[in-house]
Amino acid sequence: MDTKKLITGALTVFALFVIITQPKRAAEIVEIGFQGISDAASGIGEFMTELVR
């Protein structure tokens, strides 16, 4: 069995387990992830703005 498929499958099963058993905590984790992505995009935007000036 391919190691990449095994790890992907295990992570998928774990994610589903967390979502089913603790949906509120899973929503908080997703919110934190999206906030991190938003902050990173904002930082890149600020960097490019200063680079152009």
C-alpha atoms as a PDB file:
ATOM      1  CA  MET A   1       0.000   0.000   0.000  1.00  0.00           C
ATOM      2  CA  ASP A   2       1.213   3.462  -0.852  1.00  0.00           C
ATOM      3  CA  THR A   3       2.351   5.402   2.235  1.00  0.00           C
ATOM      4  CA  LYS A   4       0.825   8.656   1.000  1.00  0.00           C
ATOM      5  CA  LYS A   5      -2.596   7.015   0.575  1.00  0.00           C
ATOM      6  CA  LEU A   6      -2.326   5.435   4.023  1.00  0.00           C
ATOM      7  CA  ILE A   7      -1.493   8.741   5.727  1.00  0.00           C
ATOM      8  CA  THR A   8      -4.232  10.588   3.798  1.00  0.00           C
ATOM      9  CA  GLY A   9      -6.773   7.942   4.751  1.00  0.00           C
ATOM     10  CA  ALA A  10      -5.748   8.036   8.411  1.00  0.00           C
ATOM     11  CA  LEU A  11      -6.019  11.842   8.523  1.00  0.00           C
ATOM     12  CA  THR A  12      -9.433  11.698   6.848  1.00  0.00           C
ATOM     13  CA  VAL A  13     -10.709   9.149   9.359  1.00  0.00           C
ATOM     14  CA  PHE A  14      -9.336  11.234  12.235  1.00  0.00           C
ATOM     15  CA  ALA A  15     -10.935  14.427  10.897  1.00  0.00           C
ATOM     16  CA  LEU A  16     -14.304  12.700  10.520  1.00  0.00           C
ATOM     17  CA  PHE A  17     -13.994  11.271  14.033  1.00  0.00           C
ATOM     18  CA  VAL A  18     -13.348  14.715  15.512  1.00  0.00           C
ATOM     19  CA  ILE A  19     -16.177  16.302  13.510  1.00  0.00           C
ATOM     20  CA  ILE A  20     -18.653  13.632  14.604  1.00  0.00           C
ATOM     21  CA  THR A  21     -17.644  13.450  18.269  1.00  0.00           C
ATOM     22  CA  GLN A  22     -16.832  17.138  18.901  1.00  0.00           C
ATOM     23  CA  PRO A  23     -18.487  19.334  16.249  1.00  0.00           C
ATOM     24  CA  LYS A  24     -18.125  22.565  18.259  1.00  0.00           C
ATOM     25  CA  ARG A  25     -14.374  22.044  18.713  1.00  0.00           C
ATOM     26  CA  ALA A  26     -14.002  21.103  15.034  1.00  0.00           C
ATOM     27  CA  ALA A  27     -15.709  24.362  14.034  1.00  0.00           C
ATOM     28  CA  GLU A  28     -13.340  26.316  16.272  1.00  0.00           C
ATOM     29  CA  ILE A  29     -10.331  24.627  14.654  1.00  0.00           C
ATOM     30  CA  VAL A  30     -11.610  25.464  11.153  1.00  0.00           C
ATOM     31  CA  GLU A  31     -12.233  29.067  12.217  1.00  0.00           C
ATOM     32  CA  ILE A  32      -8.673  29.329  13.552  1.00  0.00           C
ATOM     33  CA  GLY A  33      -7.325  27.939  10.276  1.00  0.00           C
ATOM     34  CA  PHE A  34      -9.272  30.401   8.141  1.00  0.00           C
ATOM     35  CA  GLN A  35      -8.213  33.266  10.418  1.00  0.00           C
ATOM     36  CA  GLY A  36      -4.580  32.248   9.926  1.00  0.00           C
ATOM     37  CA  ILE A  37      -4.993  32.176   6.150  1.00  0.00           C
ATOM     38  CA  SER A  38      -6.677  35.588   6.257  1.00  0.00           C
ATOM     39  CA  ASP A  39      -3.881  37.055   8.374  1.00  0.00           C
ATOM     40  CA  ALA A  40      -1.241  35.626   6.033  1.00  0.00           C
ATOM     41  CA  ALA A  41      -2.972  37.092   2.968  1.00  0.00           C
ATOM     42  CA  SER A  42      -3.254  40.455   4.700  1.00  0.00           C
ATOM     43  CA  GLY A  43       0.434  40.381   5.567  1.00  0.00           C
ATOM     44  CA  ILE A  44       1.388  39.569   1.992  1.00  0.00           C
ATOM     45  CA  GLY A  45      -0.820  42.434   0.784  1.00  0.00           C
ATOM     46  CA  GLU A  46       0.837  44.881   3.161  1.00  0.00           C
ATOM     47  CA  PHE A  47       4.288  43.651   2.097  1.00  0.00           C
ATOM     48  CA  MET A  48       3.494  44.113  -1.610  1.00  0.00           C
ATOM     49  CA  THR A  49       2.058  47.588  -0.930  1.00  0.00           C
ATOM     50  CA  GLU A  50       5.234  48.667   0.856  1.00  0.00           C
ATOM     51  CA  LEU A  51       7.366  47.062  -1.851  1.00  0.00           C
ATOM     52  CA  VAL A  52       5.654  49.145  -4.541  1.00  0.00           C
ATOM     53  CA  ARG A  53       6.083  52.409  -2.625  1.00  0.00           C
END
